Amino acid sequence: MNCHRGFGCIIGLASLAASAFAGVDTGEFTYQGQLKQNGVPVTDLCDFAFSLWRDEASVLPEDQVGDTLLFDNVVGSQPSVEVLNGLFSAVLDFGPTAFTDDPRWLQTSVRCPAGTGEYS
């Protein structure tokens, strides 16, 4: 994940989540993270976009696993995410076949406050 415009982001590894769910019939998991802007923990309502990839450097559509999950309060997506003292969580589900024995990379994009500016 690339963090721009003063956002410092700490993310977990999607491949770790896969091993925790071996044998489970769903791809759903709770993702927790920390978001800082210019070194200060964010407290705001923010929009997030999560996508899962087979290759850490690829942008080819065939390397994306499932759909991009949007949390931006737009019709058809999930509500924006509350970030409190830099901490947030979101329930992600890329489908029951998203996690196999192969590595996966989670790309996270954010914009704060919600509904403004570009994702970074």
PDB file of N, CA and C in Angstrom:
ATOM      1  N   MET A   1       0.841  -1.177   0.000  1.00  0.00           N
ATOM      2  CA  MET A   1       0.000   0.000   0.000  1.00  0.00           C
ATOM      3  C   MET A   1       0.879   1.229   0.000  1.00  0.00           C
ATOM      4  N   ASN A   2       0.533   2.186  -0.797  1.00  0.00           N
ATOM      5  CA  ASN A   2       1.225   3.463  -0.792  1.00  0.00           C
ATOM      6  C   ASN A   2       0.403   4.467  -0.021  1.00  0.00           C
ATOM      7  N   CYS A   3       1.033   5.152   0.915  1.00  0.00           N
ATOM      8  CA  CYS A   3       0.336   6.187   1.675  1.00  0.00           C
ATOM      9  C   CYS A   3       0.920   7.524   1.258  1.00  0.00           C
ATOM     10  N   HIS A   4       0.055   8.434   0.871  1.00  0.00           N
ATOM     11  CA  HIS A   4       0.485   9.730   0.352  1.00  0.00           C
ATOM     12  C   HIS A   4      -0.131  10.857   1.162  1.00  0.00           C
ATOM     13  N   ARG A   5       0.257  12.051   0.846  1.00  0.00           N
ATOM     14  CA  ARG A   5      -0.305  13.269   1.420  1.00  0.00           C
ATOM     15  C   ARG A   5      -0.333  13.254   2.945  1.00  0.00           C
ATOM     16  N   GLY A   6       0.765  12.816   3.556  1.00  0.00           N
ATOM     17  CA  GLY A   6       0.871  12.889   4.999  1.00  0.00           C
ATOM     18  C   GLY A   6       0.203  11.757   5.745  1.00  0.00           C
ATOM     19  N   PHE A   7      -0.442  10.816   5.033  1.00  0.00           N
ATOM     20  CA  PHE A   7      -1.068   9.698   5.722  1.00  0.00           C
ATOM     21  C   PHE A   7      -0.017   8.633   5.975  1.00  0.00           C
ATOM     22  N   GLY A   8       0.135   8.236   7.204  1.00  0.00           N
ATOM     23  CA  GLY A   8       0.974   7.105   7.566  1.00  0.00           C
ATOM     24  C   GLY A   8       0.054   5.955   7.870  1.00  0.00           C
ATOM     25  N   CYS A   9       0.264   4.825   7.258  1.00  0.00           N
ATOM     26  CA  CYS A   9      -0.681   3.730   7.396  1.00  0.00           C
ATOM     27  C   CYS A   9       0.032   2.474   7.868  1.00  0.00           C
ATOM     28  N   ILE A  10      -0.580   1.786   8.798  1.00  0.00           N
ATOM     29  CA  ILE A  10      -0.086   0.501   9.237  1.00  0.00           C
ATOM     30  C   ILE A  10      -1.144  -0.513   8.857  1.00  0.00           C
ATOM     31  N   ILE A  11      -0.722  -1.538   8.099  1.00  0.00           N
ATOM     32  CA  ILE A  11      -1.697  -2.528   7.663  1.00  0.00           C
ATOM     33  C   ILE A  11      -1.229  -3.918   8.044  1.00  0.00           C
ATOM     34  N   GLY A  12      -2.181  -4.819   8.173  1.00  0.00           N
ATOM     35  CA  GLY A  12      -1.869  -6.221   8.432  1.00  0.00           C
ATOM     36  C   GLY A  12      -1.669  -6.953   7.124  1.00  0.00           C
ATOM     37  N   LEU A  13      -1.180  -8.161   7.211  1.00  0.00           N
ATOM     38  CA  LEU A  13      -0.970  -8.948   6.010  1.00  0.00           C
ATOM     39  C   LEU A  13      -2.169  -9.831   5.742  1.00  0.00           C
ATOM     40  N   ALA A  14      -2.716  -9.733   4.544  1.00  0.00           N
ATOM     41  CA  ALA A  14      -3.882 -10.529   4.182  1.00  0.00           C
ATOM     42  C   ALA A  14      -3.560 -12.016   4.217  1.00  0.00           C
ATOM     43  N   SER A  15      -2.310 -12.386   3.940  1.00  0.00           N
ATOM     44  CA  SER A  15      -1.967 -13.803   3.950  1.00  0.00           C
ATOM     45  C   SER A  15      -2.088 -14.387   5.348  1.00  0.00           C
ATOM     46  N   LEU A  16      -1.908 -13.585   6.392  1.00  0.00           N
ATOM     47  CA  LEU A  16      -2.100 -14.069   7.752  1.00  0.00           C
ATOM     48  C   LEU A  16      -3.558 -14.379   8.014  1.00  0.00           C
ATOM     49  N   ALA A  17      -4.455 -13.545   7.494  1.00  0.00           N
ATOM     50  CA  ALA A  17      -5.881 -13.779   7.670  1.00  0.00           C
ATOM     51  C   ALA A  17      -6.296 -15.072   6.990  1.00  0.00           C
ATOM     52  N   ALA A  18      -5.672 -15.385   5.872  1.00  0.00           N
ATOM     53  CA  ALA A  18      -6.032 -16.597   5.143  1.00  0.00           C
ATOM     54  C   ALA A  18      -5.763 -17.833   5.978  1.00  0.00           C
ATOM     55  N   SER A  19      -4.629 -17.879   6.656  1.00  0.00           N
ATOM     56  CA  SER A  19      -4.308 -19.067   7.431  1.00  0.00           C
ATOM     57  C   SER A  19      -5.240 -19.220   8.623  1.00  0.00           C
ATOM     58  N   ALA A  20      -5.753 -18.127   9.145  1.00  0.00           N
ATOM     59  CA  ALA A  20      -6.653 -18.184  10.289  1.00  0.00           C
ATOM     60  C   ALA A  20      -8.021 -18.739   9.909  1.00  0.00           C
ATOM     61  N   PHE A  21      -8.352 -18.739   8.621  1.00  0.00           N
ATOM     62  CA  PHE A  21      -9.666 -19.161   8.180  1.00  0.00           C
ATOM     63  C   PHE A  21      -9.643 -20.437   7.349  1.00  0.00           C
ATOM     64  N   ALA A  22      -8.559 -21.196   7.441  1.00  0.00           N
ATOM     65  CA  ALA A  22      -8.486 -22.430   6.659  1.00  0.00           C
ATOM     66  C   ALA A  22      -9.663 -23.329   7.003  1.00  0.00           C
ATOM     67  N   GLY A  23     -10.383 -23.772   5.986  1.00  0.00           N
ATOM     68  CA  GLY A  23     -11.503 -24.673   6.179  1.00  0.00           C
ATOM     69  C   GLY A  23     -12.824 -23.984   6.455  1.00  0.00           C
ATOM     70  N   VAL A  24     -12.846 -22.676   6.549  1.00  0.00           N
ATOM     71  CA  VAL A  24     -14.082 -21.943   6.790  1.00  0.00           C
ATOM     72  C   VAL A  24     -14.726 -21.636   5.450  1.00  0.00           C
ATOM     73  N   ASP A  25     -16.068 -21.705   5.384  1.00  0.00           N
ATOM     74  CA  ASP A  25     -16.785 -21.547   4.119  1.00  0.00           C
ATOM     75  C   ASP A  25     -17.078 -20.107   3.735  1.00  0.00           C
ATOM     76  N   THR A  26     -16.440 -19.150   4.353  1.00  0.00           N
ATOM     77  CA  THR A  26     -16.663 -17.746   4.018  1.00  0.00           C
ATOM     78  C   THR A  26     -15.322 -17.053   3.870  1.00  0.00           C
ATOM     79  N   GLY A  27     -15.304 -15.968   3.142  1.00  0.00           N
ATOM     80  CA  GLY A  27     -14.090 -15.180   3.000  1.00  0.00           C
ATOM     81  C   GLY A  27     -14.108 -13.967   3.908  1.00  0.00           C
ATOM     82  N   GLU A  28     -15.067 -13.910   4.828  1.00  0.00           N
ATOM     83  CA  GLU A  28     -15.240 -12.733   5.682  1.00  0.00           C
ATOM     84  C   GLU A  28     -14.234 -12.720   6.829  1.00  0.00           C
ATOM     85  N   PHE A  29     -13.649 -11.531   7.060  1.00  0.00           N
ATOM     86  CA  PHE A  29     -12.768 -11.344   8.201  1.00  0.00           C
ATOM     87  C   PHE A  29     -12.803  -9.883   8.625  1.00  0.00           C
ATOM     88  N   THR A  30     -12.430  -9.632   9.859  1.00  0.00           N
ATOM     89  CA  THR A  30     -12.371  -8.264  10.373  1.00  0.00           C
ATOM     90  C   THR A  30     -10.961  -7.753  10.207  1.00  0.00           C
ATOM     91  N   TYR A  31     -10.844  -6.632   9.541  1.00  0.00           N
ATOM     92  CA  TYR A  31      -9.554  -5.997   9.293  1.00  0.00           C
ATOM     93  C   TYR A  31      -9.435  -4.792  10.219  1.00  0.00           C
ATOM     94  N   GLN A  32      -8.335  -4.706  10.942  1.00  0.00           N
ATOM     95  CA  GLN A  32      -8.093  -3.578  11.832  1.00  0.00           C
ATOM     96  C   GLN A  32      -6.825  -2.871  11.400  1.00  0.00           C
ATOM     97  N   GLY A  33      -6.831  -1.545  11.511  1.00  0.00           N
ATOM     98  CA  GLY A  33      -5.659  -0.783  11.113  1.00  0.00           C
ATOM     99  C   GLY A  33      -5.520   0.489  11.905  1.00  0.00           C
ATOM    100  N   GLN A  34      -4.438   1.184  11.614  1.00  0.00           N
ATOM    101  CA  GLN A  34      -4.140   2.454  12.261  1.00  0.00           C
ATOM    102  C   GLN A  34      -3.867   3.477  11.162  1.00  0.00           C
ATOM    103  N   LEU A  35      -4.404   4.675  11.323  1.00  0.00           N
ATOM    104  CA  LEU A  35      -4.245   5.728  10.330  1.00  0.00           C
ATOM    105  C   LEU A  35      -3.773   7.009  11.009  1.00  0.00           C
ATOM    106  N   LYS A  36      -2.664   7.539  10.502  1.00  0.00           N
ATOM    107  CA  LYS A  36      -2.137   8.804  11.006  1.00  0.00           C
ATOM    108  C   LYS A  36      -1.976   9.768   9.842  1.00  0.00           C
ATOM    109  N   GLN A  37      -2.133  11.053  10.126  1.00  0.00           N
ATOM    110  CA  GLN A  37      -1.868  12.080   9.129  1.00  0.00           C
ATOM    111  C   GLN A  37      -0.842  13.018   9.721  1.00  0.00           C
ATOM    112  N   ASN A  38       0.290  13.163   9.029  1.00  0.00           N
ATOM    113  CA  ASN A  38       1.416  13.973   9.506  1.00  0.00           C
ATOM    114  C   ASN A  38       1.838  13.558  10.910  1.00  0.00           C
ATOM    115  N   GLY A  39       1.817  12.232  11.183  1.00  0.00           N
ATOM    116  CA  GLY A  39       2.256  11.698  12.454  1.00  0.00           C
ATOM    117  C   GLY A  39       1.227  11.748  13.573  1.00  0.00           C
ATOM    118  N   VAL A  40       0.047  12.303  13.293  1.00  0.00           N
ATOM    119  CA  VAL A  40      -0.989  12.456  14.317  1.00  0.00           C
ATOM    120  C   VAL A  40      -2.125  11.473  14.030  1.00  0.00           C
ATOM    121  N   PRO A  41      -2.564  10.691  15.029  1.00  0.00           N
ATOM    122  CA  PRO A  41      -3.677   9.775  14.799  1.00  0.00           C
ATOM    123  C   PRO A  41      -4.926  10.524  14.328  1.00  0.00           C
ATOM    124  N   VAL A  42      -5.568   9.977  13.310  1.00  0.00           N
ATOM    125  CA  VAL A  42      -6.768  10.580  12.722  1.00  0.00           C
ATOM    126  C   VAL A  42      -7.988  10.250  13.586  1.00  0.00           C
ATOM    127  N   THR A  43      -8.851  11.233  13.782  1.00  0.00           N
ATOM    128  CA  THR A  43     -10.182  11.026  14.343  1.00  0.00           C
ATOM    129  C   THR A  43     -11.146  11.711  13.388  1.00  0.00           C
ATOM    130  N   ASP A  44     -11.833  10.896  12.579  1.00  0.00           N
ATOM    131  CA  ASP A  44     -12.714  11.448  11.547  1.00  0.00           C
ATOM    132  C   ASP A  44     -13.499  10.304  10.919  1.00  0.00           C
ATOM    133  N   LEU A  45     -14.472  10.647  10.116  1.00  0.00           N
ATOM    134  CA  LEU A  45     -15.175   9.686   9.291  1.00  0.00           C
ATOM    135  C   LEU A  45     -14.447   9.654   7.951  1.00  0.00           C
ATOM    136  N   CYS A  46     -13.985   8.476   7.536  1.00  0.00           N
ATOM    137  CA  CYS A  46     -13.150   8.355   6.341  1.00  0.00           C
ATOM    138  C   CYS A  46     -13.729   7.323   5.379  1.00  0.00           C
ATOM    139  N   ASP A  47     -13.435   7.508   4.095  1.00  0.00           N
ATOM    140  CA  ASP A  47     -13.805   6.553   3.060  1.00  0.00           C
ATOM    141  C   ASP A  47     -12.622   5.618   2.818  1.00  0.00           C
ATOM    142  N   PHE A  48     -12.914   4.327   2.627  1.00  0.00           N
ATOM    143  CA  PHE A  48     -11.873   3.337   2.360  1.00  0.00           C
ATOM    144  C   PHE A  48     -12.243   2.528   1.129  1.00  0.00           C
ATOM    145  N   ALA A  49     -11.232   2.088   0.402  1.00  0.00           N
ATOM    146  CA  ALA A  49     -11.381   1.140  -0.702  1.00  0.00           C
ATOM    147  C   ALA A  49     -10.352   0.034  -0.469  1.00  0.00           C
ATOM    148  N   PHE A  50     -10.821  -1.213  -0.408  1.00  0.00           N
ATOM    149  CA  PHE A  50      -9.954  -2.369  -0.175  1.00  0.00           C
ATOM    150  C   PHE A  50     -10.007  -3.265  -1.401  1.00  0.00           C
ATOM    151  N   SER A  51      -8.852  -3.702  -1.866  1.00  0.00           N
ATOM    152  CA  SER A  51      -8.807  -4.667  -2.963  1.00  0.00           C
ATOM    153  C   SER A  51      -7.750  -5.718  -2.640  1.00  0.00           C
ATOM    154  N   LEU A  52      -7.986  -6.930  -3.124  1.00  0.00           N
ATOM    155  CA  LEU A  52      -7.130  -8.079  -2.834  1.00  0.00           C
ATOM    156  C   LEU A  52      -6.445  -8.508  -4.122  1.00  0.00           C
ATOM    157  N   TRP A  53      -5.140  -8.812  -4.042  1.00  0.00           N
ATOM    158  CA  TRP A  53      -4.333  -9.072  -5.233  1.00  0.00           C
ATOM    159  C   TRP A  53      -3.520 -10.348  -5.110  1.00  0.00           C
ATOM    160  N   ARG A  54      -3.284 -10.986  -6.244  1.00  0.00           N
ATOM    161  CA  ARG A  54      -2.436 -12.178  -6.320  1.00  0.00           C
ATOM    162  C   ARG A  54      -0.955 -11.812  -6.379  1.00  0.00           C
ATOM    163  N   ASP A  55      -0.663 -10.619  -6.844  1.00  0.00           N
ATOM    164  CA  ASP A  55       0.722 -10.171  -7.030  1.00  0.00           C
ATOM    165  C   ASP A  55       0.853  -8.787  -6.421  1.00  0.00           C
ATOM    166  N   GLU A  56       1.880  -8.583  -5.610  1.00  0.00           N
ATOM    167  CA  GLU A  56       2.014  -7.322  -4.888  1.00  0.00           C
ATOM    168  C   GLU A  56       2.251  -6.107  -5.781  1.00  0.00           C
ATOM    169  N   ALA A  57       2.761  -6.297  -6.982  1.00  0.00           N
ATOM    170  CA  ALA A  57       3.089  -5.160  -7.839  1.00  0.00           C
ATOM    171  C   ALA A  57       2.158  -5.024  -9.047  1.00  0.00           C
ATOM    172  N   SER A  58       1.263  -5.964  -9.241  1.00  0.00           N
ATOM    173  CA  SER A  58       0.424  -5.968 -10.439  1.00  0.00           C
ATOM    174  C   SER A  58      -0.742  -4.990 -10.330  1.00  0.00           C
ATOM    175  N   VAL A  59      -1.108  -4.444 -11.477  1.00  0.00           N
ATOM    176  CA  VAL A  59      -2.337  -3.646 -11.591  1.00  0.00           C
ATOM    177  C   VAL A  59      -3.239  -4.244 -12.666  1.00  0.00           C
ATOM    178  N   LEU A  60      -2.898  -5.445 -13.132  1.00  0.00           N
ATOM    179  CA  LEU A  60      -3.686  -6.113 -14.160  1.00  0.00           C
ATOM    180  C   LEU A  60      -4.981  -6.640 -13.550  1.00  0.00           C
ATOM    181  N   PRO A  61      -6.112  -6.396 -14.204  1.00  0.00           N
ATOM    182  CA  PRO A  61      -7.403  -6.834 -13.667  1.00  0.00           C
ATOM    183  C   PRO A  61      -7.446  -8.326 -13.326  1.00  0.00           C
ATOM    184  N   GLU A  62      -6.759  -9.154 -14.109  1.00  0.00           N
ATOM    185  CA  GLU A  62      -6.800 -10.598 -13.850  1.00  0.00           C
ATOM    186  C   GLU A  62      -6.047 -10.997 -12.571  1.00  0.00           C
ATOM    187  N   ASP A  63      -5.252 -10.090 -12.013  1.00  0.00           N
ATOM    188  CA  ASP A  63      -4.544 -10.372 -10.766  1.00  0.00           C
ATOM    189  C   ASP A  63      -5.315  -9.919  -9.529  1.00  0.00           C
ATOM    190  N   GLN A  64      -6.438  -9.237  -9.733  1.00  0.00           N
ATOM    191  CA  GLN A  64      -7.271  -8.854  -8.593  1.00  0.00           C
ATOM    192  C   GLN A  64      -8.176 -10.021  -8.228  1.00  0.00           C
ATOM    193  N   VAL A  65      -8.308 -10.258  -6.918  1.00  0.00           N
ATOM    194  CA  VAL A  65      -9.159 -11.331  -6.400  1.00  0.00           C
ATOM    195  C   VAL A  65     -10.448 -10.695  -5.896  1.00  0.00           C
ATOM    196  N   GLY A  66     -11.563 -11.017  -6.517  1.00  0.00           N
ATOM    197  CA  GLY A  66     -12.840 -10.440  -6.105  1.00  0.00           C
ATOM    198  C   GLY A  66     -12.960  -8.975  -6.514  1.00  0.00           C
ATOM    199  N   ASP A  67     -13.995  -8.342  -5.996  1.00  0.00           N
ATOM    200  CA  ASP A  67     -14.266  -6.942  -6.300  1.00  0.00           C
ATOM    201  C   ASP A  67     -13.572  -6.019  -5.306  1.00  0.00           C
ATOM    202  N   THR A  68     -13.408  -4.758  -5.686  1.00  0.00           N
ATOM    203  CA  THR A  68     -12.955  -3.743  -4.744  1.00  0.00           C
ATOM    204  C   THR A  68     -14.100  -3.456  -3.780  1.00  0.00           C
ATOM    205  N   LEU A  69     -13.799  -3.473  -2.492  1.00  0.00           N
ATOM    206  CA  LEU A  69     -14.808  -3.215  -1.471  1.00  0.00           C
ATOM    207  C   LEU A  69     -14.752  -1.753  -1.071  1.00  0.00           C
ATOM    208  N   LEU A  70     -15.854  -1.043  -1.280  1.00  0.00           N
ATOM    209  CA  LEU A  70     -15.917   0.388  -0.987  1.00  0.00           C
ATOM    210  C   LEU A  70     -16.699   0.653   0.292  1.00  0.00           C
ATOM    211  N   PHE A  71     -16.143   1.496   1.120  1.00  0.00           N
ATOM    212  CA  PHE A  71     -16.789   1.970   2.341  1.00  0.00           C
ATOM    213  C   PHE A  71     -16.843   3.491   2.215  1.00  0.00           C
ATOM    214  N   ASP A  72     -17.824   3.985   1.447  1.00  0.00           N
ATOM    215  CA  ASP A  72     -17.856   5.424   1.152  1.00  0.00           C
ATOM    216  C   ASP A  72     -19.257   6.032   1.191  1.00  0.00           C
ATOM    217  N   ASN A  73     -20.201   5.296   1.757  1.00  0.00           N
ATOM    218  CA  ASN A  73     -21.552   5.815   1.963  1.00  0.00           C
ATOM    219  C   ASN A  73     -22.302   6.127   0.674  1.00  0.00           C
ATOM    220  N   VAL A  74     -21.843   5.595  -0.448  1.00  0.00           N
ATOM    221  CA  VAL A  74     -22.535   5.764  -1.720  1.00  0.00           C
ATOM    222  C   VAL A  74     -23.483   4.577  -1.875  1.00  0.00           C
ATOM    223  N   VAL A  75     -24.595   4.772  -2.549  1.00  0.00           N
ATOM    224  CA  VAL A  75     -25.562   3.699  -2.748  1.00  0.00           C
ATOM    225  C   VAL A  75     -24.848   2.477  -3.335  1.00  0.00           C
ATOM    226  N   GLY A  76     -25.061   1.317  -2.733  1.00  0.00           N
ATOM    227  CA  GLY A  76     -24.444   0.088  -3.205  1.00  0.00           C
ATOM    228  C   GLY A  76     -23.129  -0.238  -2.516  1.00  0.00           C
ATOM    229  N   SER A  77     -22.657   0.620  -1.651  1.00  0.00           N
ATOM    230  CA  SER A  77     -21.419   0.342  -0.922  1.00  0.00           C
ATOM    231  C   SER A  77     -21.713   0.343   0.580  1.00  0.00           C
ATOM    232  N   GLN A  78     -20.697   0.090   1.346  1.00  0.00           N
ATOM    233  CA  GLN A  78     -20.805   0.107   2.802  1.00  0.00           C
ATOM    234  C   GLN A  78     -20.677   1.543   3.303  1.00  0.00           C
ATOM    235  N   PRO A  79     -21.129   1.808   4.545  1.00  0.00           N
ATOM    236  CA  PRO A  79     -20.958   3.154   5.109  1.00  0.00           C
ATOM    237  C   PRO A  79     -19.482   3.516   5.289  1.00  0.00           C
ATOM    238  N   SER A  80     -19.200   4.802   5.315  1.00  0.00           N
ATOM    239  CA  SER A  80     -17.848   5.271   5.609  1.00  0.00           C
ATOM    240  C   SER A  80     -17.435   4.728   6.977  1.00  0.00           C
ATOM    241  N   VAL A  81     -16.138   4.729   7.242  1.00  0.00           N
ATOM    242  CA  VAL A  81     -15.586   4.114   8.446  1.00  0.00           C
ATOM    243  C   VAL A  81     -15.188   5.184   9.455  1.00  0.00           C
ATOM    244  N   GLU A  82     -15.592   4.984  10.702  1.00  0.00           N
ATOM    245  CA  GLU A  82     -15.177   5.895  11.765  1.00  0.00           C
ATOM    246  C   GLU A  82     -13.770   5.524  12.214  1.00  0.00           C
ATOM    247  N   VAL A  83     -12.888   6.519  12.185  1.00  0.00           N
ATOM    248  CA  VAL A  83     -11.523   6.350  12.667  1.00  0.00           C
ATOM    249  C   VAL A  83     -11.432   7.136  13.957  1.00  0.00           C
ATOM    250  N   LEU A  84     -11.051   6.475  15.045  1.00  0.00           N
ATOM    251  CA  LEU A  84     -11.024   7.095  16.365  1.00  0.00           C
ATOM    252  C   LEU A  84      -9.640   6.918  16.971  1.00  0.00           C
ATOM    253  N   ASN A  85      -8.983   8.035  17.247  1.00  0.00           N
ATOM    254  CA  ASN A  85      -7.600   8.005  17.753  1.00  0.00           C
ATOM    255  C   ASN A  85      -6.706   7.171  16.841  1.00  0.00           C
ATOM    256  N   GLY A  86      -6.959   7.243  15.532  1.00  0.00           N
ATOM    257  CA  GLY A  86      -6.146   6.547  14.549  1.00  0.00           C
ATOM    258  C   GLY A  86      -6.551   5.115  14.278  1.00  0.00           C
ATOM    259  N   LEU A  87      -7.442   4.545  15.068  1.00  0.00           N
ATOM    260  CA  LEU A  87      -7.792   3.132  14.931  1.00  0.00           C
ATOM    261  C   LEU A  87      -9.115   2.953  14.194  1.00  0.00           C
ATOM    262  N   PHE A  88      -9.178   1.921  13.362  1.00  0.00           N
ATOM    263  CA  PHE A  88     -10.400   1.616  12.631  1.00  0.00           C
ATOM    264  C   PHE A  88     -10.496   0.117  12.413  1.00  0.00           C
ATOM    265  N   SER A  89     -11.698  -0.349  12.098  1.00  0.00           N
ATOM    266  CA  SER A  89     -11.868  -1.740  11.691  1.00  0.00           C
ATOM    267  C   SER A  89     -12.990  -1.797  10.660  1.00  0.00           C
ATOM    268  N   ALA A  90     -12.900  -2.804   9.805  1.00  0.00           N
ATOM    269  CA  ALA A  90     -13.908  -3.012   8.772  1.00  0.00           C
ATOM    270  C   ALA A  90     -14.028  -4.511   8.523  1.00  0.00           C
ATOM    271  N   VAL A  91     -15.243  -4.970   8.298  1.00  0.00           N
ATOM    272  CA  VAL A  91     -15.464  -6.374   7.953  1.00  0.00           C
ATOM    273  C   VAL A  91     -15.355  -6.492   6.437  1.00  0.00           C
ATOM    274  N   LEU A  92     -14.408  -7.309   5.978  1.00  0.00           N
ATOM    275  CA  LEU A  92     -14.147  -7.481   4.550  1.00  0.00           C
ATOM    276  C   LEU A  92     -14.538  -8.890   4.136  1.00  0.00           C
ATOM    277  N   ASP A  93     -15.067  -9.018   2.924  1.00  0.00           N
ATOM    278  CA  ASP A  93     -15.424 -10.329   2.395  1.00  0.00           C
ATOM    279  C   ASP A  93     -15.179 -10.327   0.891  1.00  0.00           C
ATOM    280  N   PHE A  94     -14.111 -10.989   0.476  1.00  0.00           N
ATOM    281  CA  PHE A  94     -13.765 -11.084  -0.932  1.00  0.00           C
ATOM    282  C   PHE A  94     -14.287 -12.372  -1.555  1.00  0.00           C
ATOM    283  N   GLY A  95     -15.113 -13.104  -0.817  1.00  0.00           N
ATOM    284  CA  GLY A  95     -15.703 -14.343  -1.320  1.00  0.00           C
ATOM    285  C   GLY A  95     -15.041 -15.570  -0.720  1.00  0.00           C
ATOM    286  N   PRO A  96     -15.748 -16.696  -0.759  1.00  0.00           N
ATOM    287  CA  PRO A  96     -15.262 -17.911  -0.101  1.00  0.00           C
ATOM    288  C   PRO A  96     -14.032 -18.533  -0.751  1.00  0.00           C
ATOM    289  N   THR A  97     -13.713 -18.170  -1.989  1.00  0.00           N
ATOM    290  CA  THR A  97     -12.544 -18.747  -2.654  1.00  0.00           C
ATOM    291  C   THR A  97     -11.381 -17.763  -2.755  1.00  0.00           C
ATOM    292  N   ALA A  98     -11.482 -16.631  -2.073  1.00  0.00           N
ATOM    293  CA  ALA A  98     -10.442 -15.601  -2.176  1.00  0.00           C
ATOM    294  C   ALA A  98      -9.112 -16.039  -1.578  1.00  0.00           C
ATOM    295  N   PHE A  99      -9.183 -16.798  -0.498  1.00  0.00           N
ATOM    296  CA  PHE A  99      -7.958 -17.203   0.183  1.00  0.00           C
ATOM    297  C   PHE A  99      -7.690 -18.672  -0.048  1.00  0.00           C
ATOM    298  N   THR A 100      -6.552 -18.925  -0.665  1.00  0.00           N
ATOM    299  CA  THR A 100      -6.089 -20.280  -0.923  1.00  0.00           C
ATOM    300  C   THR A 100      -4.728 -20.412  -0.246  1.00  0.00           C
ATOM    301  N   ASP A 101      -3.954 -21.365  -0.665  1.00  0.00           N
ATOM    302  CA  ASP A 101      -2.600 -21.490  -0.125  1.00  0.00           C
ATOM    303  C   ASP A 101      -1.635 -20.492  -0.770  1.00  0.00           C
ATOM    304  N   ASP A 102      -2.118 -19.745  -1.757  1.00  0.00           N
ATOM    305  CA  ASP A 102      -1.279 -18.776  -2.453  1.00  0.00           C
ATOM    306  C   ASP A 102      -1.246 -17.453  -1.694  1.00  0.00           C
ATOM    307  N   PRO A 103      -0.151 -16.702  -1.783  1.00  0.00           N
ATOM    308  CA  PRO A 103      -0.069 -15.392  -1.112  1.00  0.00           C
ATOM    309  C   PRO A 103      -1.095 -14.407  -1.672  1.00  0.00           C
ATOM    310  N   ARG A 104      -1.541 -13.498  -0.829  1.00  0.00           N
ATOM    311  CA  ARG A 104      -2.454 -12.430  -1.216  1.00  0.00           C
ATOM    312  C   ARG A 104      -1.946 -11.113  -0.642  1.00  0.00           C
ATOM    313  N   TRP A 105      -2.215 -10.012  -1.335  1.00  0.00           N
ATOM    314  CA  TRP A 105      -1.842  -8.682  -0.883  1.00  0.00           C
ATOM    315  C   TRP A 105      -3.083  -7.815  -0.829  1.00  0.00           C
ATOM    316  N   LEU A 106      -3.247  -7.109   0.271  1.00  0.00           N
ATOM    317  CA  LEU A 106      -4.396  -6.240   0.466  1.00  0.00           C
ATOM    318  C   LEU A 106      -3.976  -4.801   0.187  1.00  0.00           C
ATOM    319  N   GLN A 107      -4.641  -4.172  -0.777  1.00  0.00           N
ATOM    320  CA  GLN A 107      -4.391  -2.764  -1.066  1.00  0.00           C
ATOM    321  C   GLN A 107      -5.468  -1.952  -0.362  1.00  0.00           C
ATOM    322  N   THR A 108      -5.050  -0.938   0.357  1.00  0.00           N
ATOM    323  CA  THR A 108      -5.964  -0.087   1.107  1.00  0.00           C
ATOM    324  C   THR A 108      -5.784   1.351   0.665  1.00  0.00           C
ATOM    325  N   SER A 109      -6.887   1.982   0.272  1.00  0.00           N
ATOM    326  CA  SER A 109      -6.864   3.402  -0.100  1.00  0.00           C
ATOM    327  C   SER A 109      -7.828   4.141   0.815  1.00  0.00           C
ATOM    328  N   VAL A 110      -7.494   5.384   1.144  1.00  0.00           N
ATOM    329  CA  VAL A 110      -8.306   6.137   2.102  1.00  0.00           C
ATOM    330  C   VAL A 110      -8.418   7.593   1.673  1.00  0.00           C
ATOM    331  N   ARG A 111      -9.522   8.219   2.067  1.00  0.00           N
ATOM    332  CA  ARG A 111      -9.656   9.675   1.942  1.00  0.00           C
ATOM    333  C   ARG A 111     -10.411  10.179   3.173  1.00  0.00           C
ATOM    334  N   CYS A 112      -9.855  11.220   3.757  1.00  0.00           N
ATOM    335  CA  CYS A 112     -10.428  11.840   4.975  1.00  0.00           C
ATOM    336  C   CYS A 112     -10.425  13.335   4.806  1.00  0.00           C
ATOM    337  N   PRO A 113     -11.503  13.987   5.221  1.00  0.00           N
ATOM    338  CA  PRO A 113     -12.753  13.421   5.688  1.00  0.00           C
ATOM    339  C   PRO A 113     -13.518  12.752   4.554  1.00  0.00           C
ATOM    340  N   ALA A 114     -14.484  11.939   4.930  1.00  0.00           N
ATOM    341  CA  ALA A 114     -15.278  11.187   3.964  1.00  0.00           C
ATOM    342  C   ALA A 114     -15.905  12.104   2.924  1.00  0.00           C
ATOM    343  N   GLY A 115     -15.907  11.654   1.680  1.00  0.00           N
ATOM    344  CA  GLY A 115     -16.570  12.381   0.610  1.00  0.00           C
ATOM    345  C   GLY A 115     -15.772  13.524   0.009  1.00  0.00           C
ATOM    346  N   THR A 116     -14.520  13.713   0.461  1.00  0.00           N
ATOM    347  CA  THR A 116     -13.724  14.836  -0.039  1.00  0.00           C
ATOM    348  C   THR A 116     -12.400  14.348  -0.605  1.00  0.00           C
ATOM    349  N   GLY A 117     -11.926  15.003  -1.636  1.00  0.00           N
ATOM    350  CA  GLY A 117     -10.595  14.736  -2.176  1.00  0.00           C
ATOM    351  C   GLY A 117     -10.444  13.394  -2.859  1.00  0.00           C
ATOM    352  N   GLU A 118      -9.193  13.061  -3.117  1.00  0.00           N
ATOM    353  CA  GLU A 118      -8.826  11.835  -3.815  1.00  0.00           C
ATOM    354  C   GLU A 118      -8.407  10.777  -2.799  1.00  0.00           C
ATOM    355  N   TYR A 119      -8.547   9.517  -3.196  1.00  0.00           N
ATOM    356  CA  TYR A 119      -8.029   8.417  -2.386  1.00  0.00           C
ATOM    357  C   TYR A 119      -6.507   8.393  -2.460  1.00  0.00           C
ATOM    358  N   SER A 120      -5.875   8.039  -1.369  1.00  0.00           N
ATOM    359  CA  SER A 120      -4.409   7.850  -1.375  1.00  0.00           C
ATOM    360  C   SER A 120      -4.077   6.558  -0.682  1.00  0.00           C
TER     361      SER A 120
END
